[in-house]
Each structure stands twice: as C-alpha cells, then as structure tokens.
Amino acid sequence: KVINLNVKRIFSLTQACLPLLEKAASSKDPARVINIGSIDGIYTPFLETYAYPTSKAALHHLTRVMAGHLSNRKFTFNNIAPGPYESKMMAKTLNDYGEIIRSNVPLGRIGAPEDIAGTAIYLSSKAGAFTNGATISVDGGSLVKPSSSKL
C-alpha cells in the first residue's frame, strides 16, 4: 500500500499531468513538479519501519530520473524532504518519542507548516526556475547533526 501511494500513484499522476505541464511551460519559466519526500528516505530512521522510508527514497530517485529525462520538455522536478513535523501522521510518534525527536533536531524544535511553504514557494517561483532534480531537506538540521557517540 505504501509503495503504491508514495511512488506508483505519484508516477501515474505526473504522467497524466504531462499535457497540462507542457501547456504551462516555457524556456524561462518551466512547469514545476514538486514532490514531498522525507528525510526518512535519505537516512535510516530510528524507528523500525521499512515500507515508508523505502518508498520515500524511491520517490526521491524517481524525481531525479524524471528531472534527467523530462527537463528537455521545459519541466523541473524537485523534492522537499521534511524532517519531523506536527501532523496527523506523526501524532502518535511525537506523543511517544517527541522529546527524543526534538533533541535530535539541532534547531531544537519540530517543523511548522510555514517551513515547508517557504520551500515550495521558492521552488514554484522564478527564483527556483533553474533548480532541477534537487531534494531539499527542511529538517532543522537533523541530517547534519553529528553523532553523539564518541570515537
């Protein structure tokens, strides 16, 4: 189910939207596809889940492949990879592990909707017209936090 939702359906939806994207595209202002991945698709999450991070890693790669093969049609394809955010999906996880998760975010907080919105605005604006095939982590620094273990 998770692979179908997070990879196959996004591929099918993108395929179905290609004619509309072509109508909207120009050399200076390409049509945009912005997928929502996850930092769980970039690193190994501490919770033992398999399908979700695998599906998000597949989505990140699918986005890069589409960027490589379809940008000649004046499209850009990018991912936003959120870190921990308050959401229905994360409610139980944050309830059970919120302090541990928060302590692993260098900025010391859980993400807010505005954090993702700003990235989406950038990618969909003229400022993002030359960004293609990128996965932008919006995670408060979670991916770059040094390990707390001593060598």
N, C-alpha and C. Protein backbone atom coordinates (compact mmCIF):
# COMPACT_ATOMS: atom_id res chain seq x y z
N LYS A 1 0.82 -1.21 0.00
CA LYS A 1 0.00 0.00 0.00
C LYS A 1 0.86 1.27 0.00
N VAL A 2 1.88 1.28 0.85
CA VAL A 2 2.70 2.49 0.99
C VAL A 2 3.48 2.77 -0.30
N ILE A 3 4.05 1.74 -0.90
CA ILE A 3 4.78 1.92 -2.17
C ILE A 3 3.82 2.41 -3.25
N ASN A 4 2.62 1.84 -3.30
CA ASN A 4 1.62 2.29 -4.27
C ASN A 4 1.30 3.77 -4.09
N LEU A 5 1.06 4.18 -2.86
CA LEU A 5 0.68 5.56 -2.57
C LEU A 5 1.83 6.53 -2.83
N ASN A 6 3.01 6.21 -2.33
CA ASN A 6 4.11 7.17 -2.35
C ASN A 6 4.98 7.14 -3.61
N VAL A 7 4.81 6.12 -4.45
CA VAL A 7 5.62 6.05 -5.67
C VAL A 7 4.75 5.86 -6.91
N LYS A 8 4.04 4.77 -6.99
CA LYS A 8 3.28 4.45 -8.20
C LYS A 8 2.22 5.50 -8.51
N ARG A 9 1.49 5.93 -7.51
CA ARG A 9 0.43 6.93 -7.78
C ARG A 9 1.01 8.28 -8.17
N ILE A 10 2.13 8.64 -7.58
CA ILE A 10 2.77 9.90 -7.96
C ILE A 10 3.26 9.82 -9.40
N PHE A 11 3.84 8.69 -9.77
CA PHE A 11 4.28 8.49 -11.15
C PHE A 11 3.09 8.59 -12.10
N SER A 12 2.00 7.90 -11.79
CA SER A 12 0.80 7.92 -12.66
C SER A 12 0.19 9.31 -12.75
N LEU A 13 0.12 10.01 -11.62
CA LEU A 13 -0.43 11.36 -11.62
C LEU A 13 0.44 12.30 -12.46
N THR A 14 1.74 12.20 -12.30
CA THR A 14 2.65 13.03 -13.09
C THR A 14 2.48 12.75 -14.58
N GLN A 15 2.40 11.48 -14.92
CA GLN A 15 2.19 11.08 -16.32
C GLN A 15 0.90 11.70 -16.86
N ALA A 16 -0.16 11.64 -16.08
CA ALA A 16 -1.46 12.18 -16.51
C ALA A 16 -1.41 13.70 -16.67
N CYS A 17 -0.56 14.36 -15.88
CA CYS A 17 -0.49 15.83 -15.92
C CYS A 17 0.47 16.37 -16.98
N LEU A 18 1.24 15.51 -17.64
CA LEU A 18 2.23 15.99 -18.61
C LEU A 18 1.65 16.91 -19.68
N PRO A 19 0.48 16.63 -20.26
CA PRO A 19 -0.06 17.57 -21.26
C PRO A 19 -0.33 18.96 -20.67
N LEU A 20 -0.82 19.01 -19.44
CA LEU A 20 -1.06 20.31 -18.80
C LEU A 20 0.26 21.02 -18.49
N LEU A 21 1.24 20.26 -18.06
CA LEU A 21 2.55 20.84 -17.78
C LEU A 21 3.17 21.41 -19.05
N GLU A 22 3.03 20.70 -20.16
CA GLU A 22 3.58 21.18 -21.43
C GLU A 22 2.95 22.50 -21.85
N LYS A 23 1.65 22.65 -21.63
CA LYS A 23 0.96 23.90 -21.98
C LYS A 23 1.45 25.07 -21.13
N ALA A 24 1.82 24.79 -19.88
CA ALA A 24 2.23 25.84 -18.96
C ALA A 24 3.71 26.19 -19.06
N ALA A 25 4.50 25.38 -19.73
CA ALA A 25 5.95 25.50 -19.71
C ALA A 25 6.50 26.47 -20.74
N SER A 26 7.59 27.14 -20.37
CA SER A 26 8.37 27.95 -21.31
C SER A 26 9.84 27.82 -20.91
N SER A 27 10.72 28.27 -21.79
CA SER A 27 12.16 28.16 -21.50
C SER A 27 12.56 28.92 -20.25
N LYS A 28 12.03 30.13 -20.10
CA LYS A 28 12.39 30.95 -18.94
C LYS A 28 11.60 30.61 -17.69
N ASP A 29 10.46 30.00 -17.87
CA ASP A 29 9.61 29.67 -16.71
C ASP A 29 9.06 28.25 -16.89
N PRO A 30 9.87 27.24 -16.59
CA PRO A 30 9.43 25.86 -16.80
C PRO A 30 8.27 25.49 -15.88
N ALA A 31 7.52 24.49 -16.29
CA ALA A 31 6.48 23.94 -15.43
C ALA A 31 7.16 23.19 -14.29
N ARG A 32 6.54 23.19 -13.11
CA ARG A 32 7.18 22.60 -11.93
C ARG A 32 6.40 21.39 -11.43
N VAL A 33 7.15 20.38 -11.02
CA VAL A 33 6.60 19.27 -10.25
C VAL A 33 7.39 19.26 -8.95
N ILE A 34 6.68 19.39 -7.84
CA ILE A 34 7.31 19.38 -6.52
C ILE A 34 6.73 18.20 -5.75
N ASN A 35 7.57 17.23 -5.47
CA ASN A 35 7.14 16.06 -4.71
C ASN A 35 7.53 16.22 -3.25
N ILE A 36 6.75 15.62 -2.38
CA ILE A 36 7.04 15.66 -0.95
C ILE A 36 7.60 14.32 -0.53
N GLY A 37 8.90 14.31 -0.30
CA GLY A 37 9.58 13.11 0.17
C GLY A 37 9.65 13.12 1.68
N SER A 38 10.79 12.76 2.21
CA SER A 38 11.01 12.74 3.65
C SER A 38 12.49 12.55 3.91
N ILE A 39 12.97 13.09 5.04
CA ILE A 39 14.35 12.78 5.40
C ILE A 39 14.50 11.29 5.69
N ASP A 40 13.40 10.61 5.99
CA ASP A 40 13.46 9.16 6.19
C ASP A 40 13.86 8.42 4.92
N GLY A 41 13.74 9.07 3.77
CA GLY A 41 14.20 8.49 2.52
C GLY A 41 15.66 8.78 2.23
N ILE A 42 16.32 9.51 3.13
CA ILE A 42 17.72 9.88 2.96
C ILE A 42 18.61 9.14 3.96
N TYR A 43 18.10 8.97 5.17
CA TYR A 43 18.88 8.29 6.20
C TYR A 43 18.05 7.16 6.81
N THR A 44 18.66 6.36 7.66
CA THR A 44 17.95 5.26 8.31
C THR A 44 17.25 5.80 9.55
N PRO A 45 15.92 5.81 9.57
CA PRO A 45 15.21 6.34 10.74
C PRO A 45 15.40 5.43 11.96
N PHE A 46 15.26 6.02 13.15
CA PHE A 46 15.49 5.22 14.35
C PHE A 46 14.35 4.26 14.64
N LEU A 47 13.15 4.55 14.15
CA LEU A 47 12.04 3.60 14.30
C LEU A 47 12.16 2.52 13.23
N GLU A 48 11.83 1.32 13.59
CA GLU A 48 11.98 0.19 12.68
C GLU A 48 10.79 0.09 11.73
N THR A 49 10.78 1.00 10.77
CA THR A 49 9.77 0.97 9.70
C THR A 49 10.51 0.69 8.41
N TYR A 50 9.88 -0.02 7.51
CA TYR A 50 10.57 -0.41 6.29
C TYR A 50 9.94 0.18 5.04
N ALA A 51 8.65 0.06 4.89
CA ALA A 51 7.99 0.49 3.66
C ALA A 51 8.05 2.01 3.47
N TYR A 52 7.80 2.78 4.53
CA TYR A 52 7.75 4.24 4.40
C TYR A 52 9.10 4.82 3.95
N PRO A 53 10.21 4.58 4.66
CA PRO A 53 11.47 5.18 4.19
C PRO A 53 11.89 4.67 2.81
N THR A 54 11.61 3.41 2.54
CA THR A 54 11.93 2.86 1.22
C THR A 54 11.14 3.56 0.13
N SER A 55 9.85 3.82 0.40
CA SER A 55 9.01 4.50 -0.59
C SER A 55 9.48 5.93 -0.82
N LYS A 56 9.92 6.60 0.23
CA LYS A 56 10.37 7.98 0.08
C LYS A 56 11.72 8.04 -0.64
N ALA A 57 12.60 7.07 -0.39
CA ALA A 57 13.86 7.01 -1.14
C ALA A 57 13.58 6.76 -2.62
N ALA A 58 12.62 5.89 -2.89
CA ALA A 58 12.23 5.63 -4.29
C ALA A 58 11.66 6.89 -4.93
N LEU A 59 10.84 7.64 -4.20
CA LEU A 59 10.28 8.88 -4.73
C LEU A 59 11.39 9.88 -5.04
N HIS A 60 12.36 10.01 -4.14
CA HIS A 60 13.48 10.93 -4.40
C HIS A 60 14.19 10.55 -5.69
N HIS A 61 14.43 9.26 -5.87
CA HIS A 61 15.13 8.83 -7.07
C HIS A 61 14.26 8.97 -8.32
N LEU A 62 12.99 8.62 -8.22
CA LEU A 62 12.06 8.81 -9.34
C LEU A 62 12.07 10.27 -9.78
N THR A 63 12.07 11.18 -8.83
CA THR A 63 12.09 12.61 -9.15
C THR A 63 13.36 12.99 -9.90
N ARG A 64 14.51 12.47 -9.46
CA ARG A 64 15.77 12.75 -10.18
C ARG A 64 15.75 12.17 -11.59
N VAL A 65 15.21 10.96 -11.73
CA VAL A 65 15.13 10.34 -13.07
C VAL A 65 14.24 11.17 -13.98
N MET A 66 13.08 11.60 -13.47
CA MET A 66 12.19 12.44 -14.29
C MET A 66 12.87 13.75 -14.64
N ALA A 67 13.60 14.35 -13.69
CA ALA A 67 14.32 15.59 -13.97
C ALA A 67 15.34 15.38 -15.09
N GLY A 68 16.04 14.28 -15.05
CA GLY A 68 17.05 13.99 -16.06
C GLY A 68 16.48 13.73 -17.44
N HIS A 69 15.34 13.07 -17.49
CA HIS A 69 14.79 12.67 -18.78
C HIS A 69 13.72 13.61 -19.34
N LEU A 70 13.10 14.40 -18.51
CA LEU A 70 11.98 15.23 -19.00
C LEU A 70 12.25 16.73 -18.96
N SER A 71 13.41 17.14 -18.46
CA SER A 71 13.68 18.58 -18.40
C SER A 71 13.80 19.21 -19.79
N ASN A 72 14.10 18.40 -20.80
CA ASN A 72 14.15 18.93 -22.17
C ASN A 72 12.77 19.37 -22.66
N ARG A 73 11.73 18.99 -21.92
CA ARG A 73 10.37 19.43 -22.25
C ARG A 73 9.97 20.67 -21.44
N LYS A 74 10.97 21.31 -20.84
CA LYS A 74 10.79 22.54 -20.06
C LYS A 74 10.02 22.29 -18.76
N PHE A 75 10.38 21.22 -18.07
CA PHE A 75 9.82 20.90 -16.76
C PHE A 75 10.96 20.86 -15.75
N THR A 76 10.66 21.18 -14.51
CA THR A 76 11.60 20.88 -13.42
C THR A 76 10.90 19.93 -12.45
N PHE A 77 11.69 19.07 -11.86
CA PHE A 77 11.20 18.08 -10.89
C PHE A 77 12.09 18.17 -9.65
N ASN A 78 11.49 18.44 -8.52
CA ASN A 78 12.24 18.56 -7.27
C ASN A 78 11.46 17.92 -6.13
N ASN A 79 12.19 17.61 -5.07
CA ASN A 79 11.61 17.05 -3.85
C ASN A 79 11.81 18.01 -2.69
N ILE A 80 10.85 18.04 -1.81
CA ILE A 80 11.03 18.63 -0.49
C ILE A 80 11.05 17.44 0.46
N ALA A 81 12.08 17.38 1.31
CA ALA A 81 12.21 16.27 2.27
C ALA A 81 12.05 16.81 3.68
N PRO A 82 10.81 16.81 4.19
CA PRO A 82 10.59 17.32 5.55
C PRO A 82 11.22 16.41 6.60
N GLY A 83 11.62 17.04 7.68
CA GLY A 83 12.00 16.32 8.89
C GLY A 83 10.75 16.14 9.73
N PRO A 84 10.90 16.13 11.05
CA PRO A 84 9.72 15.94 11.91
C PRO A 84 8.82 17.19 11.93
N TYR A 85 7.54 16.94 11.68
CA TYR A 85 6.52 17.99 11.67
C TYR A 85 5.30 17.52 12.43
N GLU A 86 4.60 18.45 13.04
CA GLU A 86 3.32 18.13 13.67
C GLU A 86 2.33 17.81 12.56
N SER A 87 1.74 16.62 12.62
CA SER A 87 0.75 16.22 11.63
C SER A 87 -0.04 15.04 12.19
N LYS A 88 -1.14 14.72 11.53
CA LYS A 88 -1.91 13.54 11.94
C LYS A 88 -1.04 12.29 11.87
N MET A 89 -0.26 12.19 10.80
CA MET A 89 0.58 11.01 10.62
C MET A 89 1.63 10.88 11.73
N MET A 90 2.15 12.00 12.20
CA MET A 90 3.21 11.99 13.21
C MET A 90 2.70 12.08 14.64
N ALA A 91 1.39 12.22 14.84
CA ALA A 91 0.85 12.48 16.18
C ALA A 91 1.27 11.42 17.20
N LYS A 92 1.08 10.16 16.89
CA LYS A 92 1.43 9.10 17.84
C LYS A 92 2.94 9.05 18.07
N THR A 93 3.71 9.17 17.00
CA THR A 93 5.17 9.14 17.12
C THR A 93 5.65 10.29 17.99
N LEU A 94 5.11 11.49 17.77
CA LEU A 94 5.53 12.64 18.57
C LEU A 94 5.06 12.50 20.01
N ASN A 95 3.89 11.90 20.21
CA ASN A 95 3.40 11.66 21.57
C ASN A 95 4.34 10.70 22.31
N ASP A 96 4.76 9.64 21.63
CA ASP A 96 5.60 8.62 22.25
C ASP A 96 7.08 9.00 22.32
N TYR A 97 7.58 9.69 21.31
CA TYR A 97 9.03 9.95 21.19
C TYR A 97 9.37 11.42 20.96
N GLY A 98 8.42 12.31 21.20
CA GLY A 98 8.61 13.72 20.86
C GLY A 98 9.86 14.35 21.42
N GLU A 99 10.16 14.11 22.68
CA GLU A 99 11.35 14.72 23.29
C GLU A 99 12.64 14.18 22.67
N ILE A 100 12.67 12.89 22.38
CA ILE A 100 13.86 12.30 21.74
C ILE A 100 14.04 12.90 20.35
N ILE A 101 12.93 12.98 19.61
CA ILE A 101 12.99 13.55 18.25
C ILE A 101 13.44 15.00 18.30
N ARG A 102 12.81 15.79 19.18
CA ARG A 102 13.15 17.21 19.31
C ARG A 102 14.63 17.38 19.68
N SER A 103 15.13 16.53 20.56
CA SER A 103 16.53 16.65 21.00
C SER A 103 17.51 16.32 19.88
N ASN A 104 17.04 15.66 18.84
CA ASN A 104 17.90 15.33 17.70
C ASN A 104 17.79 16.32 16.55
N VAL A 105 17.03 17.38 16.75
CA VAL A 105 16.93 18.45 15.76
C VAL A 105 17.82 19.59 16.26
N PRO A 106 18.91 19.90 15.57
CA PRO A 106 19.81 20.94 16.04
C PRO A 106 19.13 22.29 16.33
N LEU A 107 18.07 22.62 15.60
CA LEU A 107 17.37 23.88 15.88
C LEU A 107 16.42 23.75 17.06
N GLY A 108 16.28 22.54 17.62
CA GLY A 108 15.56 22.34 18.87
C GLY A 108 14.06 22.41 18.81
N ARG A 109 13.47 22.24 17.63
CA ARG A 109 12.01 22.28 17.54
C ARG A 109 11.52 21.37 16.44
N ILE A 110 10.23 21.11 16.47
CA ILE A 110 9.55 20.37 15.42
C ILE A 110 9.17 21.38 14.34
N GLY A 111 9.18 20.98 13.09
CA GLY A 111 8.87 21.88 11.98
C GLY A 111 7.44 22.40 12.00
N ALA A 112 7.25 23.55 11.37
CA ALA A 112 5.94 24.20 11.25
C ALA A 112 5.56 24.25 9.77
N PRO A 113 4.27 24.35 9.47
CA PRO A 113 3.83 24.40 8.06
C PRO A 113 4.54 25.49 7.24
N GLU A 114 4.84 26.62 7.86
CA GLU A 114 5.50 27.72 7.14
C GLU A 114 6.87 27.31 6.62
N ASP A 115 7.53 26.40 7.32
CA ASP A 115 8.86 25.97 6.89
C ASP A 115 8.78 25.28 5.53
N ILE A 116 7.80 24.43 5.35
CA ILE A 116 7.61 23.73 4.08
C ILE A 116 7.07 24.71 3.03
N ALA A 117 6.15 25.57 3.43
CA ALA A 117 5.54 26.51 2.49
C ALA A 117 6.60 27.40 1.83
N GLY A 118 7.55 27.88 2.61
CA GLY A 118 8.60 28.74 2.05
C GLY A 118 9.42 28.03 0.99
N THR A 119 9.71 26.76 1.23
CA THR A 119 10.48 25.98 0.26
C THR A 119 9.67 25.75 -1.00
N ALA A 120 8.39 25.45 -0.84
CA ALA A 120 7.51 25.25 -2.00
C ALA A 120 7.37 26.54 -2.81
N ILE A 121 7.27 27.67 -2.12
CA ILE A 121 7.17 28.96 -2.82
C ILE A 121 8.45 29.20 -3.63
N TYR A 122 9.60 28.95 -3.02
CA TYR A 122 10.87 29.11 -3.75
C TYR A 122 10.88 28.24 -5.01
N LEU A 123 10.58 26.94 -4.85
CA LEU A 123 10.66 26.03 -6.00
C LEU A 123 9.66 26.39 -7.09
N SER A 124 8.51 26.94 -6.72
CA SER A 124 7.49 27.26 -7.72
C SER A 124 7.63 28.68 -8.29
N SER A 125 8.54 29.47 -7.72
CA SER A 125 8.72 30.84 -8.20
C SER A 125 9.82 30.91 -9.26
N LYS A 126 9.98 32.10 -9.83
CA LYS A 126 11.06 32.30 -10.81
C LYS A 126 12.43 32.07 -10.18
N ALA A 127 12.54 32.30 -8.89
CA ALA A 127 13.82 32.06 -8.21
C ALA A 127 14.23 30.59 -8.28
N GLY A 128 13.26 29.70 -8.36
CA GLY A 128 13.54 28.27 -8.43
C GLY A 128 13.50 27.69 -9.83
N ALA A 129 13.42 28.54 -10.84
CA ALA A 129 13.25 28.06 -12.22
C ALA A 129 14.45 27.28 -12.74
N PHE A 130 15.61 27.43 -12.12
CA PHE A 130 16.82 26.73 -12.58
C PHE A 130 17.22 25.61 -11.62
N THR A 131 16.36 25.32 -10.65
CA THR A 131 16.60 24.22 -9.72
C THR A 131 15.88 23.00 -10.28
N ASN A 132 16.62 21.94 -10.52
CA ASN A 132 16.04 20.75 -11.15
C ASN A 132 16.73 19.49 -10.63
N GLY A 133 15.94 18.54 -10.17
CA GLY A 133 16.48 17.28 -9.68
C GLY A 133 16.96 17.34 -8.24
N ALA A 134 16.61 18.39 -7.53
CA ALA A 134 17.09 18.56 -6.16
C ALA A 134 16.15 17.93 -5.14
N THR A 135 16.74 17.51 -4.04
CA THR A 135 15.97 17.13 -2.86
C THR A 135 16.40 18.09 -1.77
N ILE A 136 15.49 18.94 -1.35
CA ILE A 136 15.80 19.95 -0.35
C ILE A 136 15.26 19.48 1.00
N SER A 137 16.17 19.27 1.94
CA SER A 137 15.79 18.85 3.29
C SER A 137 15.35 20.06 4.08
N VAL A 138 14.19 19.97 4.69
CA VAL A 138 13.66 21.03 5.54
C VAL A 138 13.43 20.35 6.90
N ASP A 139 14.53 20.28 7.66
CA ASP A 139 14.55 19.38 8.81
C ASP A 139 15.21 19.96 10.06
N GLY A 140 15.46 21.26 10.07
CA GLY A 140 16.08 21.86 11.24
C GLY A 140 17.51 21.40 11.49
N GLY A 141 18.11 20.76 10.49
CA GLY A 141 19.48 20.28 10.61
C GLY A 141 19.60 18.83 11.06
N SER A 142 18.49 18.10 11.09
CA SER A 142 18.51 16.71 11.57
C SER A 142 19.52 15.85 10.82
N LEU A 143 19.64 16.04 9.52
CA LEU A 143 20.54 15.20 8.72
C LEU A 143 22.01 15.52 8.94
N VAL A 144 22.31 16.69 9.45
CA VAL A 144 23.71 17.08 9.60
C VAL A 144 24.18 17.07 11.05
N LYS A 145 23.31 16.66 11.95
CA LYS A 145 23.68 16.62 13.37
C LYS A 145 24.77 15.57 13.57
N PRO A 146 25.88 15.96 14.18
CA PRO A 146 26.93 14.98 14.45
C PRO A 146 26.44 13.90 15.41
N SER A 147 26.97 12.72 15.24
CA SER A 147 26.64 11.62 16.13
C SER A 147 27.10 11.96 17.54
N SER A 148 26.32 11.54 18.52
CA SER A 148 26.69 11.82 19.91
C SER A 148 27.64 10.75 20.46
N SER A 149 27.87 9.70 19.69
CA SER A 149 28.78 8.66 20.17
C SER A 149 30.23 9.12 20.00
N LYS A 150 31.06 8.70 20.93
CA LYS A 150 32.48 9.07 20.87
C LYS A 150 33.24 8.01 20.11
N LEU A 151 34.19 8.45 19.31
CA LEU A 151 35.01 7.50 18.55
C LEU A 151 36.00 6.81 19.45
